[in-house]
């Protein structure tokens, strides 16, 4: 049973479901529904987290382009700037 729990997509949800069956005499069908509900919440949170991370990465890249110039140029040329 241990490997099946820790290799599942949502091990915490699986542990909660098994606990309900063992300690609270919940029917396995109900525990499975509980597992699915918790697993789906985890998937939704992971999806939101990835979307937020992608948005942050995109915004960072845009701000770097504004600071450093064109997309792939690296740094803005300073040869035309007079220091004296």
Protein backbone atom coordinates (compact mmCIF):
# COMPACT_ATOMS: atom_id res chain seq x y z
CA UNK A 1 0.00 0.00 0.00
CA UNK A 2 2.87 2.44 0.74
CA UNK A 3 4.29 2.58 -2.78
CA UNK A 4 0.81 3.06 -4.27
CA UNK A 5 0.25 6.06 -2.02
CA UNK A 6 3.58 7.78 -2.61
CA UNK A 7 3.57 7.15 -6.38
CA UNK A 8 0.04 8.42 -6.89
CA UNK A 9 -0.59 11.79 -8.56
CA UNK A 10 -1.80 13.24 -5.27
CA UNK A 11 -0.26 11.37 -2.33
CA UNK A 12 -1.74 13.67 0.33
CA UNK A 13 -5.24 13.15 -1.06
CA UNK A 14 -4.62 9.40 -1.12
CA UNK A 15 -3.47 9.41 2.52
CA UNK A 16 -6.58 11.35 3.55
CA UNK A 17 -8.83 8.85 1.77
CA UNK A 18 -7.09 5.81 3.29
CA UNK A 19 -7.28 7.40 6.74
CA UNK A 20 -11.04 7.88 6.35
CA UNK A 21 -11.51 4.19 5.45
CA UNK A 22 -9.27 2.86 8.22
CA UNK A 23 -10.06 5.18 11.12
CA UNK A 24 -13.52 6.55 10.38
CA UNK A 25 -15.09 3.48 8.71
CA UNK A 26 -15.89 5.40 5.53
CA UNK A 27 -16.95 3.27 2.59
CA UNK A 28 -14.21 2.90 -0.05
CA UNK A 29 -16.46 4.41 -2.72
CA UNK A 30 -16.91 7.57 -0.65
CA UNK A 31 -13.19 7.72 0.14
CA UNK A 32 -12.43 7.45 -3.57
CA UNK A 33 -14.73 10.40 -4.26
CA UNK A 34 -12.90 12.32 -1.52
CA UNK A 35 -9.58 11.42 -3.16
CA UNK A 36 -10.78 12.62 -6.55
CA UNK A 37 -12.01 15.89 -5.10
CA UNK A 38 -8.69 16.59 -3.35
CA UNK A 39 -6.65 15.45 -6.38
CA UNK A 40 -8.61 17.77 -8.68
CA UNK A 41 -8.00 20.70 -6.34
CA UNK A 42 -4.28 19.97 -6.46
CA UNK A 43 -4.34 19.85 -10.27
CA UNK A 44 -6.16 23.18 -10.41
CA UNK A 45 -3.67 24.79 -8.02
CA UNK A 46 -0.73 23.42 -10.02
CA UNK A 47 -2.24 24.74 -13.24
CA UNK A 48 -2.77 28.20 -11.71
CA UNK A 49 0.78 28.18 -10.37
CA UNK A 50 2.18 27.36 -13.82
CA UNK A 51 0.11 30.12 -15.43
CA UNK A 52 1.33 32.65 -12.87
CA UNK A 53 4.94 31.53 -13.31
CA UNK A 54 4.65 31.85 -17.10
CA UNK A 55 3.20 35.35 -16.73
CA UNK A 56 6.02 36.39 -14.38
CA UNK A 57 8.63 35.00 -16.78
CA UNK A 58 7.06 36.84 -19.72
CA UNK A 59 6.92 40.12 -17.81
CA UNK A 60 10.54 39.70 -16.69
CA UNK A 61 11.65 39.11 -20.27
CA UNK A 62 9.76 42.20 -21.45
CA UNK A 63 11.29 44.40 -18.78
CA UNK A 64 14.76 43.08 -19.61
CA UNK A 65 14.21 43.98 -23.27
CA UNK A 66 13.28 47.52 -22.24
CA UNK A 67 16.42 47.82 -20.12
CA UNK A 68 18.91 46.10 -22.42
CA UNK A 69 17.51 47.03 -25.80
CA UNK A 70 16.41 44.65 -28.54
CA UNK A 71 15.36 41.05 -27.99
CA UNK A 72 18.69 39.28 -28.47
CA UNK A 73 21.23 42.10 -28.52
CA UNK A 74 22.29 41.81 -24.89
CA UNK A 75 23.33 45.36 -24.00
CA UNK A 76 22.59 48.70 -25.61
CA UNK A 77 25.53 50.07 -27.56
CA UNK A 78 27.23 52.97 -25.79
CA UNK A 79 29.68 53.88 -28.56
CA UNK A 80 27.74 57.00 -29.45
CA UNK A 81 27.60 58.26 -25.88
CA UNK A 82 30.20 60.85 -24.94
CA UNK A 83 31.57 60.45 -21.43
CA UNK A 84 33.48 63.79 -21.41
